């Protein structure tokens, strides 16, 4: 096992730990939706790290292309959760700008799988 695998696994584990803690906080106080959004974002980062590790281990360009296509899903979840976290926790930003970011990223995700 290489040191890159160890570092990526530790990073993903740290993200999952943060997600678990924030999920527990949300379970205790259902009104704290920002904690749930943070947990979803942390899980997305952990999945993203796992897919990046798989990208580093691919042996063919076809495998690389397939994984690169699928890595857009956790990236979409991460961007949407960041936008939601900023709106919910920080109460900052314009609502139309948040929806524009989500719409453009969703369009990008759809085009990624269609083309």
N, C-alpha and C. Protein backbone atom coordinates (compact mmCIF):
# COMPACT_ATOMS: atom_id res chain seq x y z
N UNK A 1 0.85 -1.17 0.00
CA UNK A 1 0.00 0.00 0.00
C UNK A 1 0.90 1.24 0.00
N UNK A 2 0.60 2.16 -0.90
CA UNK A 2 1.43 3.36 -1.01
C UNK A 2 0.99 4.42 -0.02
N UNK A 3 1.82 5.42 0.14
CA UNK A 3 1.51 6.49 1.08
C UNK A 3 0.36 7.35 0.56
N UNK A 4 0.17 7.40 -0.75
CA UNK A 4 -0.95 8.16 -1.32
C UNK A 4 -2.27 7.52 -0.91
N UNK A 5 -2.34 6.21 -0.96
CA UNK A 5 -3.55 5.50 -0.54
C UNK A 5 -3.85 5.76 0.93
N UNK A 6 -2.81 5.75 1.74
CA UNK A 6 -3.00 6.00 3.17
C UNK A 6 -3.52 7.42 3.42
N UNK A 7 -2.91 8.39 2.76
CA UNK A 7 -3.33 9.78 2.96
C UNK A 7 -4.75 10.00 2.48
N UNK A 8 -5.10 9.46 1.30
CA UNK A 8 -6.46 9.63 0.79
C UNK A 8 -7.46 8.93 1.70
N UNK A 9 -7.12 7.78 2.22
CA UNK A 9 -8.02 7.07 3.13
C UNK A 9 -8.21 7.82 4.44
N UNK A 10 -7.15 8.39 4.96
CA UNK A 10 -7.25 9.17 6.20
C UNK A 10 -8.11 10.41 5.97
N UNK A 11 -7.92 11.06 4.83
CA UNK A 11 -8.73 12.24 4.52
C UNK A 11 -10.21 11.88 4.40
N UNK A 12 -10.51 10.80 3.71
CA UNK A 12 -11.90 10.37 3.58
C UNK A 12 -12.48 9.98 4.94
N UNK A 13 -11.68 9.34 5.77
CA UNK A 13 -12.14 8.98 7.11
C UNK A 13 -12.43 10.20 7.96
N UNK A 14 -11.59 11.22 7.86
CA UNK A 14 -11.82 12.46 8.60
C UNK A 14 -13.11 13.12 8.14
N UNK A 15 -13.35 13.12 6.83
CA UNK A 15 -14.59 13.70 6.31
C UNK A 15 -15.81 12.93 6.80
N UNK A 16 -15.72 11.62 6.80
CA UNK A 16 -16.85 10.81 7.29
C UNK A 16 -17.08 11.00 8.78
N UNK A 17 -16.00 11.20 9.54
CA UNK A 17 -16.15 11.47 10.96
C UNK A 17 -16.87 12.79 11.20
N UNK A 18 -16.46 13.83 10.47
CA UNK A 18 -17.15 15.12 10.57
C UNK A 18 -18.61 15.00 10.16
N UNK A 19 -18.86 14.24 9.11
CA UNK A 19 -20.24 14.05 8.65
C UNK A 19 -21.08 13.36 9.73
N UNK A 20 -20.51 12.35 10.36
CA UNK A 20 -21.23 11.63 11.40
C UNK A 20 -21.56 12.55 12.58
N UNK A 21 -20.59 13.35 12.99
CA UNK A 21 -20.82 14.26 14.12
C UNK A 21 -21.88 15.30 13.79
N UNK A 22 -21.82 15.86 12.60
CA UNK A 22 -22.81 16.86 12.22
C UNK A 22 -24.19 16.24 12.05
N UNK A 23 -24.24 15.00 11.59
CA UNK A 23 -25.52 14.30 11.48
C UNK A 23 -26.14 14.06 12.85
N UNK A 24 -25.31 13.71 13.82
CA UNK A 24 -25.82 13.53 15.19
C UNK A 24 -26.37 14.83 15.74
N UNK A 25 -25.66 15.93 15.48
CA UNK A 25 -26.15 17.25 15.93
C UNK A 25 -27.49 17.55 15.29
N UNK A 26 -27.63 17.25 14.00
CA UNK A 26 -28.90 17.48 13.32
C UNK A 26 -30.00 16.58 13.86
N UNK A 27 -29.67 15.34 14.22
CA UNK A 27 -30.68 14.44 14.78
C UNK A 27 -31.21 14.95 16.11
N UNK A 28 -30.36 15.58 16.90
CA UNK A 28 -30.79 16.11 18.19
C UNK A 28 -31.62 17.39 18.03
N UNK A 29 -31.32 18.18 17.00
CA UNK A 29 -32.05 19.43 16.75
C UNK A 29 -32.40 19.49 15.27
N UNK A 30 -33.61 19.06 14.95
CA UNK A 30 -34.01 18.98 13.55
C UNK A 30 -34.12 20.34 12.88
N UNK A 31 -34.16 21.41 13.64
CA UNK A 31 -34.23 22.75 13.07
C UNK A 31 -32.87 23.21 12.55
N UNK A 32 -31.80 22.56 12.95
CA UNK A 32 -30.44 22.94 12.53
C UNK A 32 -30.13 22.27 11.18
N UNK A 33 -30.77 22.77 10.14
CA UNK A 33 -30.59 22.17 8.82
C UNK A 33 -29.19 22.40 8.26
N UNK A 34 -28.51 23.42 8.72
CA UNK A 34 -27.15 23.67 8.25
C UNK A 34 -26.22 22.51 8.62
N UNK A 35 -26.46 21.89 9.76
CA UNK A 35 -25.64 20.74 10.16
C UNK A 35 -25.86 19.55 9.23
N UNK A 36 -27.10 19.35 8.80
CA UNK A 36 -27.39 18.27 7.86
C UNK A 36 -26.73 18.54 6.52
N UNK A 37 -26.80 19.77 6.05
CA UNK A 37 -26.18 20.14 4.78
C UNK A 37 -24.66 19.96 4.87
N UNK A 38 -24.07 20.33 5.99
CA UNK A 38 -22.64 20.14 6.19
C UNK A 38 -22.29 18.65 6.16
N UNK A 39 -23.11 17.83 6.79
CA UNK A 39 -22.86 16.38 6.79
C UNK A 39 -22.93 15.81 5.38
N UNK A 40 -23.90 16.24 4.60
CA UNK A 40 -24.02 15.77 3.22
C UNK A 40 -22.80 16.21 2.41
N UNK A 41 -22.35 17.43 2.61
CA UNK A 41 -21.16 17.91 1.92
C UNK A 41 -19.91 17.13 2.30
N UNK A 42 -19.79 16.79 3.56
CA UNK A 42 -18.63 16.03 4.01
C UNK A 42 -18.63 14.61 3.43
N UNK A 43 -19.80 14.01 3.33
CA UNK A 43 -19.89 12.69 2.70
C UNK A 43 -19.52 12.80 1.22
N UNK A 44 -19.96 13.87 0.57
CA UNK A 44 -19.62 14.08 -0.84
C UNK A 44 -18.11 14.21 -1.03
N UNK A 45 -17.44 14.90 -0.11
CA UNK A 45 -15.98 15.02 -0.21
C UNK A 45 -15.31 13.66 -0.01
N UNK A 46 -15.83 12.85 0.89
CA UNK A 46 -15.26 11.52 1.11
C UNK A 46 -15.44 10.65 -0.14
N UNK A 47 -16.60 10.71 -0.75
CA UNK A 47 -16.83 9.94 -1.99
C UNK A 47 -15.92 10.47 -3.11
N UNK A 48 -15.79 11.78 -3.18
CA UNK A 48 -14.90 12.41 -4.16
C UNK A 48 -13.47 11.91 -3.98
N UNK A 49 -13.02 11.82 -2.73
CA UNK A 49 -11.66 11.33 -2.45
C UNK A 49 -11.51 9.88 -2.88
N UNK A 50 -12.53 9.08 -2.64
CA UNK A 50 -12.48 7.69 -3.07
C UNK A 50 -12.41 7.55 -4.58
N UNK A 51 -13.18 8.37 -5.28
CA UNK A 51 -13.14 8.33 -6.74
C UNK A 51 -11.81 8.87 -7.28
N UNK A 52 -11.24 9.87 -6.61
CA UNK A 52 -9.92 10.35 -7.02
C UNK A 52 -8.87 9.25 -6.86
N UNK A 53 -8.96 8.52 -5.77
CA UNK A 53 -8.03 7.41 -5.56
C UNK A 53 -8.20 6.35 -6.64
N UNK A 54 -9.45 6.09 -6.99
CA UNK A 54 -9.70 5.13 -8.08
C UNK A 54 -9.17 5.67 -9.40
N UNK A 55 -9.27 6.98 -9.63
CA UNK A 55 -8.70 7.58 -10.84
C UNK A 55 -7.19 7.38 -10.90
N UNK A 56 -6.54 7.48 -9.75
CA UNK A 56 -5.09 7.30 -9.73
C UNK A 56 -4.69 5.86 -10.01
N UNK A 57 -5.59 4.92 -9.76
CA UNK A 57 -5.29 3.50 -9.91
C UNK A 57 -5.76 2.90 -11.23
N UNK A 58 -6.36 3.70 -12.10
CA UNK A 58 -6.86 3.14 -13.36
C UNK A 58 -5.72 2.67 -14.24
N UNK A 59 -6.04 1.68 -15.06
CA UNK A 59 -5.03 1.12 -15.95
C UNK A 59 -5.32 1.43 -17.42
N UNK A 60 -6.56 1.77 -17.75
CA UNK A 60 -6.90 2.09 -19.13
C UNK A 60 -7.56 3.47 -19.19
N UNK A 61 -7.53 4.03 -20.37
CA UNK A 61 -8.16 5.34 -20.54
C UNK A 61 -9.68 5.24 -20.49
N UNK A 62 -10.23 4.09 -20.83
CA UNK A 62 -11.69 3.90 -20.75
C UNK A 62 -12.15 3.93 -19.29
N UNK A 63 -11.41 3.27 -18.42
CA UNK A 63 -11.73 3.31 -16.99
C UNK A 63 -11.62 4.73 -16.46
N UNK A 64 -10.59 5.43 -16.87
CA UNK A 64 -10.38 6.80 -16.43
C UNK A 64 -11.54 7.68 -16.88
N UNK A 65 -11.98 7.53 -18.12
CA UNK A 65 -13.09 8.33 -18.64
C UNK A 65 -14.39 8.04 -17.90
N UNK A 66 -14.63 6.78 -17.59
CA UNK A 66 -15.85 6.42 -16.86
C UNK A 66 -15.84 7.00 -15.46
N UNK A 67 -14.73 6.86 -14.77
CA UNK A 67 -14.64 7.42 -13.42
C UNK A 67 -14.71 8.93 -13.43
N UNK A 68 -14.11 9.54 -14.42
CA UNK A 68 -14.15 11.00 -14.52
C UNK A 68 -15.57 11.49 -14.76
N UNK A 69 -16.35 10.71 -15.50
CA UNK A 69 -17.76 11.06 -15.70
C UNK A 69 -18.53 10.95 -14.38
N UNK A 70 -18.28 9.91 -13.60
CA UNK A 70 -19.04 9.70 -12.37
C UNK A 70 -18.59 10.60 -11.23
N UNK A 71 -17.41 11.19 -11.33
CA UNK A 71 -16.94 12.06 -10.26
C UNK A 71 -17.73 13.38 -10.23
N UNK A 72 -18.46 13.65 -11.29
CA UNK A 72 -19.26 14.88 -11.32
C UNK A 72 -20.46 14.81 -10.37
N UNK A 73 -20.91 13.64 -10.01
CA UNK A 73 -22.06 13.54 -9.09
C UNK A 73 -21.68 14.02 -7.69
N UNK A 74 -20.60 13.52 -7.06
CA UNK A 74 -20.26 14.09 -5.75
C UNK A 74 -19.84 15.55 -5.84
N UNK A 75 -19.30 15.96 -6.99
CA UNK A 75 -18.95 17.38 -7.14
C UNK A 75 -20.22 18.23 -7.15
N UNK A 76 -21.27 17.73 -7.81
CA UNK A 76 -22.56 18.45 -7.81
C UNK A 76 -23.13 18.52 -6.40
N UNK A 77 -23.10 17.41 -5.69
CA UNK A 77 -23.62 17.39 -4.31
C UNK A 77 -22.83 18.36 -3.44
N UNK A 78 -21.54 18.40 -3.61
CA UNK A 78 -20.69 19.30 -2.82
C UNK A 78 -21.01 20.76 -3.10
N UNK A 79 -21.14 21.11 -4.36
CA UNK A 79 -21.44 22.51 -4.69
C UNK A 79 -22.81 22.92 -4.18
N UNK A 80 -23.79 22.06 -4.35
CA UNK A 80 -25.14 22.37 -3.85
C UNK A 80 -25.13 22.49 -2.32
N UNK A 81 -24.40 21.62 -1.65
CA UNK A 81 -24.36 21.70 -0.19
C UNK A 81 -23.61 22.94 0.29
N UNK A 82 -22.58 23.35 -0.42
CA UNK A 82 -21.88 24.58 -0.04
C UNK A 82 -22.81 25.79 -0.20
N UNK A 83 -23.54 25.83 -1.30
CA UNK A 83 -24.48 26.94 -1.51
C UNK A 83 -25.56 26.94 -0.43
N UNK A 84 -26.10 25.76 -0.12
CA UNK A 84 -27.13 25.67 0.92
C UNK A 84 -26.57 26.03 2.29
N UNK A 85 -25.34 25.62 2.58
CA UNK A 85 -24.74 25.94 3.86
C UNK A 85 -24.55 27.45 4.02
N UNK A 86 -24.10 28.09 2.97
CA UNK A 86 -23.90 29.54 3.02
C UNK A 86 -25.24 30.24 3.25
N UNK A 87 -26.29 29.77 2.60
CA UNK A 87 -27.60 30.39 2.77
C UNK A 87 -28.18 30.10 4.17
N UNK A 88 -28.03 28.87 4.65
CA UNK A 88 -28.66 28.49 5.91
C UNK A 88 -27.87 28.96 7.14
N UNK A 89 -26.59 28.72 7.15
CA UNK A 89 -25.79 28.99 8.34
C UNK A 89 -25.32 30.44 8.40
N UNK A 90 -24.80 30.93 7.30
CA UNK A 90 -24.27 32.28 7.29
C UNK A 90 -25.33 33.33 6.95
N UNK A 91 -26.45 32.87 6.40
CA UNK A 91 -27.53 33.76 5.98
C UNK A 91 -26.97 34.86 5.08
N UNK A 92 -26.16 34.45 4.13
CA UNK A 92 -25.49 35.41 3.24
C UNK A 92 -25.81 35.07 1.80
N UNK A 93 -25.61 36.02 0.94
CA UNK A 93 -25.78 35.81 -0.49
C UNK A 93 -27.20 36.06 -0.94
N UNK A 94 -27.33 36.22 -2.22
CA UNK A 94 -28.63 36.44 -2.83
C UNK A 94 -29.26 35.10 -3.20
N UNK A 95 -30.55 35.03 -3.04
CA UNK A 95 -31.26 33.78 -3.34
C UNK A 95 -31.18 33.46 -4.83
N UNK A 96 -31.31 34.48 -5.69
CA UNK A 96 -31.26 34.24 -7.12
C UNK A 96 -29.88 33.75 -7.56
N UNK A 97 -28.85 34.24 -6.88
CA UNK A 97 -27.49 33.81 -7.21
C UNK A 97 -27.28 32.34 -6.81
N UNK A 98 -27.81 31.97 -5.66
CA UNK A 98 -27.71 30.58 -5.23
C UNK A 98 -28.42 29.65 -6.21
N UNK A 99 -29.61 30.02 -6.63
CA UNK A 99 -30.35 29.19 -7.58
C UNK A 99 -29.66 29.15 -8.94
N UNK A 100 -29.02 30.25 -9.32
CA UNK A 100 -28.28 30.26 -10.57
C UNK A 100 -27.09 29.31 -10.53
N UNK A 101 -26.37 29.30 -9.42
CA UNK A 101 -25.24 28.38 -9.27
C UNK A 101 -25.72 26.94 -9.34
N UNK A 102 -26.79 26.63 -8.64
CA UNK A 102 -27.33 25.26 -8.65
C UNK A 102 -27.81 24.88 -10.05
N UNK A 103 -28.48 25.80 -10.73
CA UNK A 103 -29.00 25.50 -12.07
C UNK A 103 -27.87 25.28 -13.07
N UNK A 104 -26.84 26.11 -13.02
CA UNK A 104 -25.73 25.96 -13.96
C UNK A 104 -24.98 24.67 -13.70
N UNK A 105 -24.77 24.34 -12.44
CA UNK A 105 -24.06 23.08 -12.12
C UNK A 105 -24.91 21.87 -12.49
N UNK A 106 -26.23 21.98 -12.33
CA UNK A 106 -27.11 20.88 -12.73
C UNK A 106 -27.09 20.71 -14.24
N UNK A 107 -27.12 21.81 -14.97
CA UNK A 107 -27.03 21.73 -16.42
C UNK A 107 -25.70 21.10 -16.84
N UNK A 108 -24.63 21.47 -16.17
CA UNK A 108 -23.33 20.89 -16.45
C UNK A 108 -23.33 19.38 -16.19
N UNK A 109 -23.97 18.95 -15.12
CA UNK A 109 -24.05 17.53 -14.79
C UNK A 109 -24.84 16.77 -15.85
N UNK A 110 -25.96 17.36 -16.27
CA UNK A 110 -26.78 16.71 -17.30
C UNK A 110 -26.01 16.61 -18.61
N UNK A 111 -25.36 17.69 -19.01
CA UNK A 111 -24.58 17.65 -20.24
C UNK A 111 -23.42 16.66 -20.17
N UNK A 112 -22.86 16.49 -18.98
CA UNK A 112 -21.78 15.54 -18.80
C UNK A 112 -22.22 14.12 -19.14
N UNK A 113 -23.44 13.76 -18.77
CA UNK A 113 -23.91 12.40 -19.01
C UNK A 113 -24.56 12.24 -20.39
N UNK A 114 -25.03 13.34 -20.96
CA UNK A 114 -25.67 13.25 -22.27
C UNK A 114 -24.64 13.20 -23.39
N UNK A 115 -23.62 14.02 -23.30
CA UNK A 115 -22.64 14.10 -24.39
C UNK A 115 -21.49 13.13 -24.21
